[in-house]
Amino acid sequence: MIKLDDRDIKILSVLEREGRISKTELARRVSLSATPCWERLQRLEKAGLIAAYRAQIHLKKLAPHVEVFVMAELDNHRAETLQIFEKAVQRYDDIVSCWSLGGGFDYLLYIVSRDIDTYQRMIDTLLGDGVGLARYFTYIVTKPVKDGPLPLKALLASRSSE
């Protein structure tokens, strides 16, 4: 693992909140001159700690839509079934995120569709395509409450004490 100091953590924290910040402003925020800040940024990117830079779209202002969380249960847990389901999930742009879970359900899906009918047609297709989906539970998002950045300082605090 790459060794991080407080400035590296601050760089990551600032970038997570403001990916389009200029390099000059980033250097100012972390109390470094431009060149050392740029070198640290390149080191963090090269180490793979920065996965991507992207915009967070304000969906409500863009278009009507529905956000749905789906708890999915497969009909069995054979490796082949898991692979088939995971490959099927990749085919649907409406499925924004999918996590494999340990415990009661097999997967948690985050879906953004134009409307409930579009969402339901997609689920019906998944059910009919023989991808192993046995049961699903739909939870419609009524309003966002919190969508924050990662707690980097807290996560890395235990690392510094080792």
Protein backbone atom coordinates (compact mmCIF):
# COMPACT_ATOMS: atom_id res chain seq x y z
CA MET A 1 0.00 0.00 0.00
CA ILE A 2 1.13 3.54 -0.70
CA LYS A 3 2.15 5.57 2.33
CA LEU A 4 -0.03 8.65 2.74
CA ASP A 5 0.56 11.71 4.87
CA ASP A 6 -1.92 14.38 5.96
CA ARG A 7 -1.41 16.43 2.78
CA ASP A 8 -2.08 13.42 0.54
CA ILE A 9 -5.29 12.75 2.46
CA LYS A 10 -6.27 16.41 2.15
CA ILE A 11 -5.61 16.31 -1.62
CA LEU A 12 -7.85 13.24 -1.95
CA SER A 13 -10.56 14.83 0.21
CA VAL A 14 -10.61 18.06 -1.80
CA LEU A 15 -10.67 16.20 -5.13
CA GLU A 16 -13.50 13.96 -4.00
CA ARG A 17 -15.65 17.01 -3.32
CA GLU A 18 -14.41 19.19 -6.18
CA GLY A 19 -12.93 17.15 -9.02
CA ARG A 20 -12.68 20.14 -11.34
CA ILE A 21 -10.63 22.28 -9.00
CA SER A 22 -7.63 23.88 -10.69
CA LYS A 23 -4.21 22.60 -9.75
CA THR A 24 -3.30 26.06 -8.47
CA GLU A 25 -6.34 26.21 -6.20
CA LEU A 26 -5.73 22.63 -5.03
CA ALA A 27 -2.15 23.55 -4.10
CA ARG A 28 -3.40 26.60 -2.18
CA ARG A 29 -6.01 24.53 -0.30
CA VAL A 30 -3.46 21.98 0.86
CA SER A 31 -0.78 24.59 1.64
CA LEU A 32 1.73 23.52 -1.00
CA SER A 33 3.30 25.24 -3.95
CA ALA A 34 2.08 24.12 -7.38
CA THR A 35 4.93 21.78 -8.36
CA PRO A 36 5.02 19.63 -5.18
CA CYS A 37 1.22 19.45 -5.22
CA TRP A 38 1.25 18.34 -8.88
CA GLU A 39 3.90 15.69 -8.09
CA ARG A 40 1.80 14.34 -5.22
CA LEU A 41 -1.29 14.28 -7.44
CA GLN A 42 0.57 12.33 -10.12
CA ARG A 43 1.82 9.86 -7.48
CA LEU A 44 -1.73 9.34 -6.18
CA GLU A 45 -3.05 8.82 -9.71
CA LYS A 46 -0.21 6.42 -10.61
CA ALA A 47 -0.89 4.42 -7.42
CA GLY A 48 -4.50 4.00 -8.59
CA LEU A 49 -6.02 5.84 -5.61
CA ILE A 50 -7.90 8.20 -7.90
CA ALA A 51 -10.22 6.00 -9.93
CA ALA A 52 -11.84 8.75 -12.04
CA TYR A 53 -12.80 12.38 -12.32
CA ARG A 54 -16.45 12.96 -13.08
CA ALA A 55 -19.34 15.33 -12.62
CA GLN A 56 -22.23 14.66 -10.26
CA ILE A 57 -25.34 15.39 -12.30
CA HIS A 58 -28.34 17.02 -10.61
CA LEU A 59 -30.92 14.59 -12.02
CA LYS A 60 -33.97 16.52 -10.82
CA LYS A 61 -32.97 19.46 -13.02
CA LEU A 62 -32.09 17.26 -15.99
CA ALA A 63 -35.14 15.10 -16.62
CA PRO A 64 -38.06 13.33 -14.98
CA HIS A 65 -36.86 10.04 -13.53
CA VAL A 66 -37.30 7.49 -10.78
CA GLU A 67 -34.52 6.16 -8.56
CA VAL A 68 -34.94 2.64 -7.23
CA PHE A 69 -32.99 0.34 -4.97
CA VAL A 70 -33.61 -3.34 -5.61
CA MET A 71 -32.73 -6.18 -3.30
CA ALA A 72 -32.23 -9.21 -5.55
CA GLU A 73 -32.22 -12.87 -4.62
CA LEU A 74 -30.98 -15.50 -7.04
CA ASP A 75 -32.46 -18.96 -7.38
CA ASN A 76 -29.13 -20.60 -6.47
CA HIS A 77 -25.58 -19.66 -5.55
CA ARG A 78 -23.56 -21.62 -8.08
CA ALA A 79 -20.66 -19.66 -9.52
CA GLU A 80 -22.14 -19.97 -13.00
CA THR A 81 -25.44 -18.40 -11.90
CA LEU A 82 -23.65 -15.51 -10.20
CA GLN A 83 -21.60 -14.88 -13.35
CA ILE A 84 -24.66 -14.99 -15.59
CA PHE A 85 -26.51 -12.50 -13.39
CA GLU A 86 -23.52 -10.15 -13.12
CA LYS A 87 -23.02 -10.26 -16.90
CA ALA A 88 -26.73 -9.49 -17.45
CA VAL A 89 -26.55 -6.47 -15.12
CA GLN A 90 -23.79 -5.00 -17.31
CA ARG A 91 -26.19 -4.86 -20.29
CA TYR A 92 -28.58 -2.36 -18.68
CA ASP A 93 -27.60 1.30 -18.54
CA ASP A 94 -30.46 1.94 -16.09
CA ILE A 95 -28.64 -0.24 -13.55
CA VAL A 96 -26.19 2.39 -12.35
CA SER A 97 -24.61 0.37 -9.55
CA CYS A 98 -24.74 -3.20 -8.34
CA TRP A 99 -23.16 -4.69 -5.24
CA SER A 100 -22.81 -8.35 -4.32
CA LEU A 101 -23.85 -8.83 -0.69
CA GLY A 102 -23.19 -11.27 2.09
CA GLY A 103 -26.19 -12.12 4.19
CA GLY A 104 -29.87 -12.36 3.33
CA PHE A 105 -29.95 -10.98 -0.20
CA ASP A 106 -27.51 -11.64 -3.01
CA TYR A 107 -27.33 -8.21 -4.68
CA LEU A 108 -28.27 -4.59 -4.15
CA LEU A 109 -28.95 -2.65 -7.35
CA TYR A 110 -29.27 1.10 -7.78
CA ILE A 111 -31.43 1.86 -10.80
CA VAL A 112 -32.32 5.17 -12.44
CA SER A 113 -35.13 4.92 -15.01
CA ARG A 114 -37.31 7.34 -16.90
CA ASP A 115 -40.38 6.12 -15.01
CA ILE A 116 -41.79 3.15 -13.11
CA ASP A 117 -43.07 1.50 -16.30
CA THR A 118 -39.57 1.55 -17.82
CA TYR A 119 -38.14 0.14 -14.59
CA GLN A 120 -40.75 -2.63 -14.45
CA ARG A 121 -40.20 -3.63 -18.10
CA MET A 122 -36.48 -4.00 -17.37
CA ILE A 123 -37.18 -6.18 -14.30
CA ASP A 124 -39.67 -8.27 -16.28
CA THR A 125 -37.02 -8.80 -18.96
CA LEU A 126 -34.47 -9.86 -16.33
CA LEU A 127 -36.98 -12.29 -14.85
CA GLY A 128 -37.73 -13.77 -18.28
CA ASP A 129 -34.13 -13.98 -19.51
CA GLY A 130 -33.11 -16.88 -17.29
CA VAL A 131 -30.37 -14.94 -15.47
CA GLY A 132 -31.15 -16.59 -12.14
CA LEU A 133 -33.26 -13.81 -10.61
CA ALA A 134 -35.71 -15.56 -8.29
CA ARG A 135 -37.12 -12.69 -6.20
CA TYR A 136 -36.68 -8.96 -5.98
CA PHE A 137 -37.80 -6.23 -3.65
CA THR A 138 -38.26 -2.68 -4.95
CA TYR A 139 -37.58 0.40 -2.84
CA ILE A 140 -38.39 3.71 -4.53
CA VAL A 141 -36.31 6.70 -3.47
CA THR A 142 -38.62 9.48 -2.31
CA LYS A 143 -35.88 12.02 -1.59
CA PRO A 144 -32.15 12.07 -1.14
CA VAL A 145 -31.08 12.73 2.44
CA LYS A 146 -27.30 12.42 2.29
CA ASP A 147 -24.78 11.68 -0.44
CA GLY A 148 -21.44 12.57 1.05
CA PRO A 149 -17.80 11.94 0.39
CA LEU A 150 -15.86 9.05 1.90
CA PRO A 151 -14.67 9.51 5.51
CA LEU A 152 -11.01 9.35 4.46
CA LYS A 153 -9.52 10.69 7.70
CA ALA A 154 -11.44 8.18 9.81
CA LEU A 155 -10.65 5.28 7.47
CA LEU A 156 -6.96 6.08 7.38
CA ALA A 157 -6.60 6.90 11.11
CA SER A 158 -6.23 3.23 11.97
CA ARG A 159 -3.59 2.87 9.26
CA SER A 160 -1.37 5.54 10.80
CA SER A 161 -1.48 3.86 14.22
CA GLU A 162 -0.07 0.56 12.86
